[in-house]
């Protein structure tokens, strides 16, 4: 009797081990542990048409789609700045200015001009000029907007010659068109929105708060890394 019980117990244990092994293989890739506390469709959206992305080797690309004139984007900016200092090393973060119309295009051109000038330190200053100082940095015509952008940058030590070279460069023009394409391809209907790996989007309201959004972004990025 004792030997029979031992054999039965051994067979039962083997069966349980097989069940757990099969379950792990079936569910491991679909439900990454990093995402266990988040619900797809509620806290984040899996894109029906994921976009191809080319991050640096070993990196996971995270984008923020934003607009300088958006009050919610302005409110999120301090949290983003804090997150960039603590984000995982494997996260490659790239901002994309949304382009829905002429004003958004003017602001996008200013953003990419800052990048071309290597004056990313002025990114938050643009938000401050618009939302604190009442200088919207956009106008009825592109020529008027250009004058506003030049005046703003001259206040921050950028020479007119350097401004003109950057503002009129093929690099800035190309980046603006890429931003317009991203707005269309990701079907962006509201900002700010975070995009992870070209596959997932998430917003403050979906995640439940500013801090929660970046916990979610970190977990989405971790799940993407695990899938590779």
C-alpha atoms as a PDB file:
ATOM      1  CA  UNK A   1       0.000   0.000   0.000  1.00  0.00           C
ATOM      2  CA  UNK A   2       2.768   2.413   0.913  1.00  0.00           C
ATOM      3  CA  UNK A   3       4.582   1.760  -2.413  1.00  0.00           C
ATOM      4  CA  UNK A   4       1.327   2.215  -4.352  1.00  0.00           C
ATOM      5  CA  UNK A   5       0.687   5.545  -2.699  1.00  0.00           C
ATOM      6  CA  UNK A   6       4.243   6.615  -3.505  1.00  0.00           C
ATOM      7  CA  UNK A   7       3.821   5.736  -7.200  1.00  0.00           C
ATOM      8  CA  UNK A   8       0.470   7.530  -7.343  1.00  0.00           C
ATOM      9  CA  UNK A   9       1.916  10.624  -5.693  1.00  0.00           C
ATOM     10  CA  UNK A  10       4.864  10.630  -8.095  1.00  0.00           C
ATOM     11  CA  UNK A  11       2.571  10.381 -11.127  1.00  0.00           C
ATOM     12  CA  UNK A  12       0.325  13.146  -9.769  1.00  0.00           C
ATOM     13  CA  UNK A  13       3.300  15.429  -9.195  1.00  0.00           C
ATOM     14  CA  UNK A  14       4.552  14.767 -12.712  1.00  0.00           C
ATOM     15  CA  UNK A  15       1.142  15.591 -14.146  1.00  0.00           C
ATOM     16  CA  UNK A  16       1.007  18.855 -12.201  1.00  0.00           C
ATOM     17  CA  UNK A  17       4.499  19.768 -13.414  1.00  0.00           C
ATOM     18  CA  UNK A  18       3.441  19.154 -17.014  1.00  0.00           C
ATOM     19  CA  UNK A  19       0.320  21.298 -16.547  1.00  0.00           C
ATOM     20  CA  UNK A  20       2.324  24.193 -15.114  1.00  0.00           C
ATOM     21  CA  UNK A  21       4.929  23.860 -17.854  1.00  0.00           C
ATOM     22  CA  UNK A  22       2.305  24.003 -20.600  1.00  0.00           C
ATOM     23  CA  UNK A  23       0.546  26.938 -18.918  1.00  0.00           C
ATOM     24  CA  UNK A  24       3.809  28.870 -18.678  1.00  0.00           C
ATOM     25  CA  UNK A  25       4.544  28.343 -22.370  1.00  0.00           C
ATOM     26  CA  UNK A  26       1.027  29.296 -23.399  1.00  0.00           C
ATOM     27  CA  UNK A  27       0.693  32.419 -21.300  1.00  0.00           C
ATOM     28  CA  UNK A  28       4.220  33.690 -20.784  1.00  0.00           C
ATOM     29  CA  UNK A  29       4.577  35.757 -23.919  1.00  0.00           C
ATOM     30  CA  UNK A  30       0.981  37.034 -23.950  1.00  0.00           C
ATOM     31  CA  UNK A  31       0.928  38.239 -20.365  1.00  0.00           C
ATOM     32  CA  UNK A  32       4.348  39.580 -19.410  1.00  0.00           C
ATOM     33  CA  UNK A  33       4.765  39.802 -15.619  1.00  0.00           C
ATOM     34  CA  UNK A  34       5.636  43.498 -15.955  1.00  0.00           C
ATOM     35  CA  UNK A  35       2.087  44.217 -17.154  1.00  0.00           C
ATOM     36  CA  UNK A  36       0.229  42.133 -14.586  1.00  0.00           C
ATOM     37  CA  UNK A  37      -1.215  45.170 -12.789  1.00  0.00           C
ATOM     38  CA  UNK A  38      -2.377  46.921 -15.966  1.00  0.00           C
ATOM     39  CA  UNK A  39      -5.356  46.135 -18.151  1.00  0.00           C
ATOM     40  CA  UNK A  40      -5.117  46.353 -21.930  1.00  0.00           C
ATOM     41  CA  UNK A  41      -7.942  48.412 -23.356  1.00  0.00           C
ATOM     42  CA  UNK A  42      -8.346  50.285 -20.081  1.00  0.00           C
ATOM     43  CA  UNK A  43      -4.926  51.460 -18.940  1.00  0.00           C
ATOM     44  CA  UNK A  44      -3.286  51.300 -22.365  1.00  0.00           C
ATOM     45  CA  UNK A  45      -4.177  50.619 -25.983  1.00  0.00           C
ATOM     46  CA  UNK A  46      -2.594  48.015 -28.219  1.00  0.00           C
ATOM     47  CA  UNK A  47      -2.474  49.558 -31.672  1.00  0.00           C
ATOM     48  CA  UNK A  48      -4.364  47.769 -34.425  1.00  0.00           C
ATOM     49  CA  UNK A  49      -1.635  48.905 -36.832  1.00  0.00           C
ATOM     50  CA  UNK A  50       1.718  48.930 -35.013  1.00  0.00           C
ATOM     51  CA  UNK A  51       4.322  51.129 -36.664  1.00  0.00           C
ATOM     52  CA  UNK A  52       7.858  49.968 -37.478  1.00  0.00           C
ATOM     53  CA  UNK A  53      10.450  51.634 -35.264  1.00  0.00           C
ATOM     54  CA  UNK A  54      14.238  51.527 -35.332  1.00  0.00           C
ATOM     55  CA  UNK A  55      15.641  52.274 -31.887  1.00  0.00           C
ATOM     56  CA  UNK A  56      19.319  51.959 -31.146  1.00  0.00           C
ATOM     57  CA  UNK A  57      20.577  48.410 -30.625  1.00  0.00           C
ATOM     58  CA  UNK A  58      19.278  46.967 -27.350  1.00  0.00           C
ATOM     59  CA  UNK A  59      16.893  49.880 -26.799  1.00  0.00           C
ATOM     60  CA  UNK A  60      13.109  50.199 -26.567  1.00  0.00           C
ATOM     61  CA  UNK A  61      11.723  53.340 -28.180  1.00  0.00           C
ATOM     62  CA  UNK A  62       9.333  55.503 -26.161  1.00  0.00           C
ATOM     63  CA  UNK A  63       7.741  58.581 -27.738  1.00  0.00           C
ATOM     64  CA  UNK A  64       5.744  61.424 -26.299  1.00  0.00           C
ATOM     65  CA  UNK A  65       3.413  63.110 -28.789  1.00  0.00           C
ATOM     66  CA  UNK A  66       2.796  66.643 -27.543  1.00  0.00           C
ATOM     67  CA  UNK A  67       1.854  70.195 -28.509  1.00  0.00           C
ATOM     68  CA  UNK A  68       3.426  73.311 -27.043  1.00  0.00           C
ATOM     69  CA  UNK A  69       0.004  74.982 -26.899  1.00  0.00           C
ATOM     70  CA  UNK A  70      -1.593  72.143 -24.903  1.00  0.00           C
ATOM     71  CA  UNK A  71      -2.207  72.882 -21.223  1.00  0.00           C
ATOM     72  CA  UNK A  72      -2.159  69.177 -20.341  1.00  0.00           C
ATOM     73  CA  UNK A  73       1.213  68.765 -22.071  1.00  0.00           C
ATOM     74  CA  UNK A  74       2.536  71.707 -20.100  1.00  0.00           C
ATOM     75  CA  UNK A  75       1.270  70.175 -16.844  1.00  0.00           C
ATOM     76  CA  UNK A  76       2.910  66.831 -17.664  1.00  0.00           C
ATOM     77  CA  UNK A  77       6.294  68.303 -18.571  1.00  0.00           C
ATOM     78  CA  UNK A  78       7.797  68.374 -15.022  1.00  0.00           C
ATOM     79  CA  UNK A  79       6.931  64.686 -14.587  1.00  0.00           C
ATOM     80  CA  UNK A  80       8.520  63.861 -17.934  1.00  0.00           C
ATOM     81  CA  UNK A  81      11.672  65.768 -17.027  1.00  0.00           C
ATOM     82  CA  UNK A  82      11.882  63.833 -13.746  1.00  0.00           C
ATOM     83  CA  UNK A  83      11.261  60.507 -15.494  1.00  0.00           C
ATOM     84  CA  UNK A  84      14.017  61.118 -18.045  1.00  0.00           C
ATOM     85  CA  UNK A  85      16.493  61.233 -15.163  1.00  0.00           C
ATOM     86  CA  UNK A  86      15.369  57.893 -13.731  1.00  0.00           C
ATOM     87  CA  UNK A  87      14.083  55.912 -16.729  1.00  0.00           C
ATOM     88  CA  UNK A  88      15.687  52.541 -17.497  1.00  0.00           C
ATOM     89  CA  UNK A  89      18.909  52.742 -19.491  1.00  0.00           C
ATOM     90  CA  UNK A  90      17.398  50.653 -22.284  1.00  0.00           C
ATOM     91  CA  UNK A  91      14.644  53.208 -22.958  1.00  0.00           C
ATOM     92  CA  UNK A  92      15.295  55.547 -25.875  1.00  0.00           C
ATOM     93  CA  UNK A  93      13.034  58.596 -25.446  1.00  0.00           C
ATOM     94  CA  UNK A  94      12.052  60.787 -28.400  1.00  0.00           C
ATOM     95  CA  UNK A  95       9.469  63.567 -28.426  1.00  0.00           C
ATOM     96  CA  UNK A  96       7.188  64.059 -31.443  1.00  0.00           C
ATOM     97  CA  UNK A  97       5.291  67.346 -31.892  1.00  0.00           C
ATOM     98  CA  UNK A  98       1.746  66.698 -33.083  1.00  0.00           C
ATOM     99  CA  UNK A  99       0.734  68.330 -36.368  1.00  0.00           C
ATOM    100  CA  UNK A 100      -2.981  68.798 -36.935  1.00  0.00           C
ATOM    101  CA  UNK A 101      -2.879  72.209 -38.589  1.00  0.00           C
ATOM    102  CA  UNK A 102      -0.828  75.330 -39.377  1.00  0.00           C
ATOM    103  CA  UNK A 103      -0.313  76.423 -35.744  1.00  0.00           C
ATOM    104  CA  UNK A 104       0.882  72.944 -34.738  1.00  0.00           C
ATOM    105  CA  UNK A 105       3.265  72.971 -37.714  1.00  0.00           C
ATOM    106  CA  UNK A 106       4.687  76.334 -36.601  1.00  0.00           C
ATOM    107  CA  UNK A 107       5.301  74.978 -33.100  1.00  0.00           C
ATOM    108  CA  UNK A 108       6.795  71.771 -34.539  1.00  0.00           C
ATOM    109  CA  UNK A 109       9.228  73.835 -36.598  1.00  0.00           C
ATOM    110  CA  UNK A 110      10.270  75.721 -33.480  1.00  0.00           C
ATOM    111  CA  UNK A 111      10.807  72.426 -31.620  1.00  0.00           C
ATOM    112  CA  UNK A 112      13.014  70.960 -34.334  1.00  0.00           C
ATOM    113  CA  UNK A 113      14.903  74.237 -34.671  1.00  0.00           C
ATOM    114  CA  UNK A 114      15.802  73.967 -30.994  1.00  0.00           C
ATOM    115  CA  UNK A 115      17.102  70.460 -31.661  1.00  0.00           C
ATOM    116  CA  UNK A 116      19.124  71.586 -34.674  1.00  0.00           C
ATOM    117  CA  UNK A 117      20.653  74.359 -32.560  1.00  0.00           C
ATOM    118  CA  UNK A 118      21.331  71.877 -29.727  1.00  0.00           C
ATOM    119  CA  UNK A 119      19.290  74.101 -27.431  1.00  0.00           C
ATOM    120  CA  UNK A 120      17.053  71.457 -25.898  1.00  0.00           C
ATOM    121  CA  UNK A 121      17.415  73.414 -22.667  1.00  0.00           C
ATOM    122  CA  UNK A 122      14.903  75.863 -24.155  1.00  0.00           C
ATOM    123  CA  UNK A 123      12.162  73.228 -24.541  1.00  0.00           C
ATOM    124  CA  UNK A 124      10.627  74.034 -21.151  1.00  0.00           C
ATOM    125  CA  UNK A 125      11.153  77.759 -21.812  1.00  0.00           C
ATOM    126  CA  UNK A 126       8.781  77.493 -24.780  1.00  0.00           C
ATOM    127  CA  UNK A 127       6.093  76.050 -22.515  1.00  0.00           C
ATOM    128  CA  UNK A 128       6.714  78.850 -20.034  1.00  0.00           C
ATOM    129  CA  UNK A 129       6.524  81.540 -22.718  1.00  0.00           C
ATOM    130  CA  UNK A 130       3.172  80.224 -23.914  1.00  0.00           C
ATOM    131  CA  UNK A 131       1.458  79.188 -20.680  1.00  0.00           C
ATOM    132  CA  UNK A 132       3.015  81.574 -18.178  1.00  0.00           C
ATOM    133  CA  UNK A 133       3.955  84.651 -20.188  1.00  0.00           C
ATOM    134  CA  UNK A 134       1.131  84.647 -22.727  1.00  0.00           C
ATOM    135  CA  UNK A 135       3.425  84.586 -25.778  1.00  0.00           C
ATOM    136  CA  UNK A 136       1.762  81.941 -27.955  1.00  0.00           C
ATOM    137  CA  UNK A 137       4.664  81.823 -30.438  1.00  0.00           C
ATOM    138  CA  UNK A 138       2.303  81.234 -33.358  1.00  0.00           C
ATOM    139  CA  UNK A 139       0.613  83.583 -35.823  1.00  0.00           C
ATOM    140  CA  UNK A 140      -1.731  83.895 -38.777  1.00  0.00           C
ATOM    141  CA  UNK A 141       1.161  83.487 -41.220  1.00  0.00           C
ATOM    142  CA  UNK A 142       4.383  81.503 -41.161  1.00  0.00           C
ATOM    143  CA  UNK A 143       6.347  84.719 -41.719  1.00  0.00           C
ATOM    144  CA  UNK A 144       4.878  86.263 -38.563  1.00  0.00           C
ATOM    145  CA  UNK A 145       5.542  83.058 -36.639  1.00  0.00           C
ATOM    146  CA  UNK A 146       9.139  83.072 -37.830  1.00  0.00           C
ATOM    147  CA  UNK A 147       9.616  86.581 -36.471  1.00  0.00           C
ATOM    148  CA  UNK A 148       8.205  85.513 -33.106  1.00  0.00           C
ATOM    149  CA  UNK A 149      10.506  82.490 -33.003  1.00  0.00           C
ATOM    150  CA  UNK A 150      13.551  84.570 -33.884  1.00  0.00           C
ATOM    151  CA  UNK A 151      12.732  87.142 -31.207  1.00  0.00           C
ATOM    152  CA  UNK A 152      12.253  84.387 -28.622  1.00  0.00           C
ATOM    153  CA  UNK A 153      15.525  82.673 -29.433  1.00  0.00           C
ATOM    154  CA  UNK A 154      17.483  85.935 -29.562  1.00  0.00           C
ATOM    155  CA  UNK A 155      16.303  86.553 -26.001  1.00  0.00           C
ATOM    156  CA  UNK A 156      18.039  83.295 -25.108  1.00  0.00           C
ATOM    157  CA  UNK A 157      21.336  84.009 -26.800  1.00  0.00           C
ATOM    158  CA  UNK A 158      20.820  82.588 -30.292  1.00  0.00           C
ATOM    159  CA  UNK A 159      22.288  84.705 -33.060  1.00  0.00           C
ATOM    160  CA  UNK A 160      20.097  85.506 -36.060  1.00  0.00           C
ATOM    161  CA  UNK A 161      22.500  83.835 -38.479  1.00  0.00           C
ATOM    162  CA  UNK A 162      22.468  80.598 -36.498  1.00  0.00           C
ATOM    163  CA  UNK A 163      18.684  80.767 -36.228  1.00  0.00           C
ATOM    164  CA  UNK A 164      18.249  81.221 -39.992  1.00  0.00           C
ATOM    165  CA  UNK A 165      20.621  78.361 -40.795  1.00  0.00           C
ATOM    166  CA  UNK A 166      18.727  75.975 -38.526  1.00  0.00           C
ATOM    167  CA  UNK A 167      15.210  77.212 -39.287  1.00  0.00           C
ATOM    168  CA  UNK A 168      15.683  76.846 -43.041  1.00  0.00           C
ATOM    169  CA  UNK A 169      17.675  73.603 -42.919  1.00  0.00           C
ATOM    170  CA  UNK A 170      16.594  70.423 -44.743  1.00  0.00           C
ATOM    171  CA  UNK A 171      16.965  68.607 -41.410  1.00  0.00           C
ATOM    172  CA  UNK A 172      14.245  70.691 -39.744  1.00  0.00           C
ATOM    173  CA  UNK A 173      11.974  70.517 -42.792  1.00  0.00           C
ATOM    174  CA  UNK A 174      12.336  66.727 -42.951  1.00  0.00           C
ATOM    175  CA  UNK A 175      11.676  66.285 -39.228  1.00  0.00           C
ATOM    176  CA  UNK A 176       8.498  68.359 -39.472  1.00  0.00           C
ATOM    177  CA  UNK A 177       7.230  66.114 -42.262  1.00  0.00           C
ATOM    178  CA  UNK A 178       8.119  63.003 -40.259  1.00  0.00           C
ATOM    179  CA  UNK A 179       6.138  64.406 -37.319  1.00  0.00           C
ATOM    180  CA  UNK A 180       3.148  65.028 -39.599  1.00  0.00           C
ATOM    181  CA  UNK A 181       3.405  61.448 -40.858  1.00  0.00           C
ATOM    182  CA  UNK A 182       3.615  60.087 -37.303  1.00  0.00           C
ATOM    183  CA  UNK A 183       0.512  62.067 -36.336  1.00  0.00           C
ATOM    184  CA  UNK A 184      -1.350  60.391 -39.208  1.00  0.00           C
ATOM    185  CA  UNK A 185       0.118  56.904 -38.829  1.00  0.00           C
ATOM    186  CA  UNK A 186      -0.551  56.729 -35.093  1.00  0.00           C
ATOM    187  CA  UNK A 187      -3.980  58.318 -35.619  1.00  0.00           C
ATOM    188  CA  UNK A 188      -3.313  60.757 -32.783  1.00  0.00           C
ATOM    189  CA  UNK A 189      -6.552  62.397 -31.647  1.00  0.00           C
ATOM    190  CA  UNK A 190      -5.372  63.860 -28.336  1.00  0.00           C
ATOM    191  CA  UNK A 191      -2.201  64.865 -26.556  1.00  0.00           C
ATOM    192  CA  UNK A 192      -0.162  64.222 -24.549  1.00  0.00           C
ATOM    193  CA  UNK A 193       0.089  60.557 -25.435  1.00  0.00           C
ATOM    194  CA  UNK A 194       2.935  58.128 -24.864  1.00  0.00           C
ATOM    195  CA  UNK A 195       3.832  55.503 -27.455  1.00  0.00           C
ATOM    196  CA  UNK A 196       5.927  52.459 -26.556  1.00  0.00           C
ATOM    197  CA  UNK A 197       7.698  50.375 -29.179  1.00  0.00           C
ATOM    198  CA  UNK A 198       5.372  51.605 -31.903  1.00  0.00           C
ATOM    199  CA  UNK A 199       2.770  49.196 -30.466  1.00  0.00           C
ATOM    200  CA  UNK A 200       1.149  50.690 -27.393  1.00  0.00           C
ATOM    201  CA  UNK A 201      -0.314  54.078 -26.499  1.00  0.00           C
ATOM    202  CA  UNK A 202      -1.201  55.408 -23.058  1.00  0.00           C
ATOM    203  CA  UNK A 203      -2.416  58.662 -21.575  1.00  0.00           C
ATOM    204  CA  UNK A 204      -2.652  60.219 -18.135  1.00  0.00           C
ATOM    205  CA  UNK A 205      -6.384  59.526 -17.924  1.00  0.00           C
ATOM    206  CA  UNK A 206      -5.936  55.876 -18.912  1.00  0.00           C
ATOM    207  CA  UNK A 207      -3.126  55.266 -16.436  1.00  0.00           C
ATOM    208  CA  UNK A 208      -4.818  57.145 -13.593  1.00  0.00           C
ATOM    209  CA  UNK A 209      -2.356  60.002 -13.058  1.00  0.00           C
ATOM    210  CA  UNK A 210       0.974  61.487 -14.090  1.00  0.00           C
ATOM    211  CA  UNK A 211       3.146  59.237 -11.919  1.00  0.00           C
ATOM    212  CA  UNK A 212       1.072  56.180 -12.816  1.00  0.00           C
ATOM    213  CA  UNK A 213       1.539  56.910 -16.519  1.00  0.00           C
ATOM    214  CA  UNK A 214       5.288  56.582 -16.289  1.00  0.00           C
ATOM    215  CA  UNK A 215       5.091  53.459 -14.136  1.00  0.00           C
ATOM    216  CA  UNK A 216       2.971  52.036 -16.950  1.00  0.00           C
ATOM    217  CA  UNK A 217       5.401  53.240 -19.614  1.00  0.00           C
ATOM    218  CA  UNK A 218       8.277  51.567 -17.763  1.00  0.00           C
ATOM    219  CA  UNK A 219       6.302  48.315 -17.532  1.00  0.00           C
ATOM    220  CA  UNK A 220       5.341  48.410 -21.207  1.00  0.00           C
ATOM    221  CA  UNK A 221       8.980  49.013 -22.128  1.00  0.00           C
ATOM    222  CA  UNK A 222      10.066  46.141 -19.875  1.00  0.00           C
ATOM    223  CA  UNK A 223       7.535  43.828 -21.532  1.00  0.00           C
ATOM    224  CA  UNK A 224       8.838  44.808 -24.962  1.00  0.00           C
ATOM    225  CA  UNK A 225      12.357  44.055 -23.846  1.00  0.00           C
ATOM    226  CA  UNK A 226      11.283  40.642 -22.545  1.00  0.00           C
ATOM    227  CA  UNK A 227       9.727  39.722 -25.880  1.00  0.00           C
ATOM    228  CA  UNK A 228      13.021  40.081 -27.755  1.00  0.00           C
END
